[in-house]
Amino acid sequence: MFTGIIEQLGEVISTNSNGSNVTFTIGADFTHTLKVDQSVAHNGVCLTVESINDSNYTVTAIEETLTKTALNNWKEGTLINLERCMQMNARLDGHIVQGHVDGVGHCIKLDIKEGSWEFTFKTEKRLDLIVEKGSICVNGVSLTAFDVQDNTFKVAIIPFTFEHTNFKQLAVGDEINLEFDIIGKYVQRLFKK
């Protein structure tokens, strides 16, 4: 479980295909605190640490993960948002994030405001699980959605978040990972029954 509060940016050092899987070597400052078999969120995707070597570690994405996320776009030098799993004795600063991506969206507009950045995202799915001023996880970042339409929504990024996440590299046309609020998913499922 995660909170959507990004700890640091990591960098893809290398990618290696093995059948339908891809193994990523990630460089991160907090690598020395990791252990094998630990969960880390990578742009909101929960992946398991498989090996550690100095300041790098490896994770593998299987075909299921690759088809449902934007990890296929990763290449050497890609900056990714990283968050280690939540400690149960810590504050929940964002919202409950599982690291289980629900789908991929695209950035369709970027407005630079005086002191903030406003991103508009589009997805092929109807956004019944996003509510106005509700929580949404975009590339692993816990954010508040607004101007929610059938298949588009906006988020506003403050300077701290912009500087400390890969939002500073996000451009119109880029794919993003989306995870909808778990509470909304359970409520929707109950009402469908």
Protein backbone atom coordinates (compact mmCIF):
# COMPACT_ATOMS: atom_id res chain seq x y z
CA MET A 1 0.00 0.00 0.00
CA PHE A 2 1.16 3.51 -0.84
CA THR A 3 0.04 7.09 -0.24
CA GLY A 4 0.77 8.79 -3.56
CA ILE A 5 3.36 11.08 -1.99
CA ILE A 6 6.47 10.74 -4.17
CA GLU A 7 9.73 10.30 -2.28
CA GLN A 8 12.12 10.90 -5.15
CA LEU A 9 12.75 10.61 -8.86
CA GLY A 10 14.52 7.51 -10.09
CA GLU A 11 16.10 6.88 -13.46
CA VAL A 12 15.79 3.89 -15.77
CA ILE A 13 19.38 2.68 -16.21
CA SER A 14 18.56 -0.19 -18.56
CA THR A 15 15.77 -2.43 -19.88
CA ASN A 16 16.05 -6.10 -20.74
CA SER A 17 13.32 -8.14 -22.47
CA ASN A 18 12.93 -11.77 -21.47
CA GLY A 19 10.08 -13.43 -23.32
CA SER A 20 6.99 -11.30 -22.67
CA ASN A 21 8.54 -9.75 -19.53
CA VAL A 22 10.76 -6.70 -19.23
CA THR A 23 13.30 -6.25 -16.44
CA PHE A 24 14.16 -2.67 -15.54
CA THR A 25 17.28 -1.54 -13.70
CA ILE A 26 16.46 1.57 -11.70
CA GLY A 27 18.89 4.06 -10.17
CA ALA A 28 17.68 5.76 -6.99
CA ASP A 29 19.21 7.48 -3.99
CA PHE A 30 17.21 5.36 -1.54
CA THR A 31 18.40 2.04 -3.02
CA HIS A 32 20.56 1.36 0.07
CA THR A 33 17.36 1.28 2.19
CA LEU A 34 15.63 -1.32 0.01
CA LYS A 35 15.57 -5.06 0.45
CA VAL A 36 14.84 -7.86 -1.98
CA ASP A 37 11.10 -8.71 -2.18
CA GLN A 38 10.04 -5.17 -1.16
CA SER A 39 7.28 -3.35 -3.03
CA VAL A 40 8.06 0.02 -4.62
CA ALA A 41 5.64 2.15 -6.66
CA HIS A 42 7.11 3.21 -10.03
CA ASN A 43 4.94 5.90 -11.67
CA GLY A 44 2.18 4.34 -9.59
CA VAL A 45 2.90 0.73 -10.60
CA CYS A 46 3.72 -1.61 -7.72
CA LEU A 47 6.78 -3.69 -8.67
CA THR A 48 8.87 -6.05 -6.52
CA VAL A 49 12.57 -5.45 -5.92
CA GLU A 50 14.41 -8.51 -7.27
CA SER A 51 18.06 -7.58 -6.81
CA ILE A 52 20.14 -4.70 -5.46
CA ASN A 53 23.55 -3.56 -6.68
CA ASP A 54 25.04 -0.41 -5.11
CA SER A 55 22.74 2.45 -6.13
CA ASN A 56 20.70 0.37 -8.62
CA TYR A 57 17.99 -2.24 -8.22
CA THR A 58 15.97 -4.40 -10.62
CA VAL A 59 12.25 -5.04 -11.03
CA THR A 60 10.36 -7.06 -13.63
CA ALA A 61 7.06 -6.19 -15.29
CA ILE A 62 5.12 -9.15 -16.66
CA GLU A 63 2.95 -9.03 -19.79
CA GLU A 64 -0.23 -8.24 -17.79
CA THR A 65 1.44 -5.17 -16.27
CA LEU A 66 2.96 -4.04 -19.56
CA THR A 67 -0.39 -4.17 -21.39
CA LYS A 68 -2.28 -2.21 -18.72
CA THR A 69 0.26 0.53 -17.96
CA ALA A 70 2.54 3.02 -19.69
CA LEU A 71 5.72 1.10 -18.77
CA ASN A 72 6.31 0.17 -22.42
CA ASN A 73 7.40 3.78 -22.97
CA TRP A 74 10.28 3.51 -20.51
CA LYS A 75 13.77 3.62 -21.94
CA GLU A 76 17.25 4.39 -20.67
CA GLY A 77 17.21 7.81 -19.01
CA THR A 78 13.45 7.95 -18.33
CA LEU A 79 12.73 9.66 -15.01
CA ILE A 80 10.12 7.91 -12.87
CA ASN A 81 8.26 8.79 -9.68
CA LEU A 82 9.22 6.47 -6.80
CA GLU A 83 7.54 5.71 -3.50
CA ARG A 84 8.42 2.96 -1.04
CA CYS A 85 5.53 1.10 0.58
CA MET A 86 3.71 2.81 3.42
CA GLN A 87 4.68 2.20 7.04
CA MET A 88 1.60 1.58 9.16
CA ASN A 89 2.84 3.98 11.85
CA ALA A 90 3.18 6.90 9.43
CA ARG A 91 0.79 9.68 8.43
CA LEU A 92 -1.33 9.10 5.35
CA ASP A 93 -0.51 12.37 3.58
CA GLY A 94 -2.08 11.51 0.22
CA HIS A 95 -4.77 8.86 -0.13
CA ILE A 96 -4.84 5.05 -0.13
CA VAL A 97 -3.00 3.90 -3.25
CA GLN A 98 -2.53 0.22 -4.08
CA GLY A 99 -0.08 0.49 -6.95
CA HIS A 100 -2.54 -1.42 -9.16
CA VAL A 101 -3.02 0.72 -12.24
CA ASP A 102 -6.57 0.80 -13.61
CA GLY A 103 -5.65 2.15 -17.01
CA VAL A 104 -3.66 4.52 -19.14
CA GLY A 105 -4.56 8.08 -20.06
CA HIS A 106 -2.99 10.81 -22.18
CA CYS A 107 -2.07 14.39 -21.47
CA ILE A 108 -4.12 16.49 -23.89
CA LYS A 109 -3.43 19.98 -22.55
CA LEU A 110 -0.95 21.82 -20.36
CA ASP A 111 -1.65 25.32 -19.09
CA ILE A 112 1.16 27.16 -17.33
CA LYS A 113 -0.38 29.40 -14.70
CA GLU A 114 1.28 32.01 -12.52
CA GLY A 115 2.73 29.69 -9.88
CA SER A 116 1.16 26.37 -10.89
CA TRP A 117 0.62 24.01 -13.81
CA GLU A 118 -2.75 22.70 -14.96
CA PHE A 119 -2.81 19.37 -16.81
CA THR A 120 -5.81 17.97 -18.66
CA PHE A 121 -5.93 14.20 -19.11
CA LYS A 122 -8.11 12.01 -21.30
CA THR A 123 -8.85 8.30 -21.08
CA GLU A 124 -10.86 5.98 -23.27
CA LYS A 125 -12.84 4.86 -20.22
CA ARG A 126 -15.74 6.82 -18.80
CA LEU A 127 -14.61 8.41 -15.60
CA ASP A 128 -17.47 7.34 -13.33
CA LEU A 129 -14.93 6.64 -10.57
CA ILE A 130 -13.59 10.19 -10.46
CA VAL A 131 -15.60 12.74 -8.56
CA GLU A 132 -15.14 16.49 -8.53
CA LYS A 133 -12.46 17.39 -5.93
CA GLY A 134 -11.87 13.65 -5.34
CA SER A 135 -8.57 11.78 -5.21
CA ILE A 136 -6.89 10.37 -8.31
CA CYS A 137 -3.45 8.81 -8.66
CA VAL A 138 -1.57 9.96 -11.78
CA ASN A 139 1.85 8.34 -12.37
CA GLY A 140 1.87 7.46 -8.69
CA VAL A 141 1.09 10.99 -7.48
CA SER A 142 -1.92 11.55 -5.23
CA LEU A 143 -3.82 14.49 -6.75
CA THR A 144 -7.20 16.21 -6.62
CA ALA A 145 -9.29 15.99 -9.79
CA PHE A 146 -11.45 18.85 -11.00
CA ASP A 147 -13.46 19.81 -14.09
CA VAL A 148 -14.35 16.12 -14.42
CA GLN A 149 -16.15 15.31 -17.70
CA ASP A 150 -17.13 11.96 -19.30
CA ASN A 151 -13.55 11.03 -20.23
CA THR A 152 -11.41 14.04 -19.26
CA PHE A 153 -10.33 15.65 -16.00
CA LYS A 154 -7.84 18.25 -14.80
CA VAL A 155 -5.28 18.41 -12.01
CA ALA A 156 -3.33 21.41 -10.73
CA ILE A 157 0.31 20.93 -9.77
CA ILE A 158 1.99 23.08 -7.13
CA PRO A 159 5.65 24.10 -7.58
CA PHE A 160 6.99 21.56 -5.04
CA THR A 161 5.25 18.65 -6.76
CA PHE A 162 6.26 19.90 -10.20
CA GLU A 163 9.93 20.10 -9.19
CA HIS A 164 10.09 16.77 -7.31
CA THR A 165 8.18 14.52 -9.74
CA ASN A 166 8.33 13.71 -13.44
CA PHE A 167 5.46 16.14 -14.10
CA LYS A 168 8.20 18.60 -15.06
CA GLN A 169 8.87 16.41 -18.12
CA LEU A 170 5.26 15.57 -18.94
CA ALA A 171 4.15 16.92 -22.32
CA VAL A 172 0.97 16.91 -24.39
CA GLY A 173 0.57 13.44 -25.94
CA ASP A 174 2.42 11.58 -23.17
CA GLU A 175 0.83 8.49 -21.63
CA ILE A 176 0.19 8.36 -17.89
CA ASN A 177 -0.79 5.62 -15.43
CA LEU A 178 -4.12 6.08 -13.63
CA GLU A 179 -5.35 4.48 -10.43
CA PHE A 180 -8.84 5.36 -9.29
CA ASP A 181 -9.72 5.73 -5.61
CA ILE A 182 -10.18 2.29 -4.01
CA ILE A 183 -13.12 3.45 -1.90
CA GLY A 184 -14.94 4.62 -5.03
CA LYS A 185 -14.28 1.26 -6.70
CA TYR A 186 -15.81 -0.66 -3.78
CA VAL A 187 -18.84 1.65 -3.62
CA GLN A 188 -19.41 1.30 -7.37
CA ARG A 189 -19.21 -2.49 -7.13
CA LEU A 190 -21.74 -2.57 -4.26
CA PHE A 191 -24.20 -0.42 -6.21
CA LYS A 192 -23.84 -2.60 -9.33
CA LYS A 193 -24.95 -5.63 -7.31
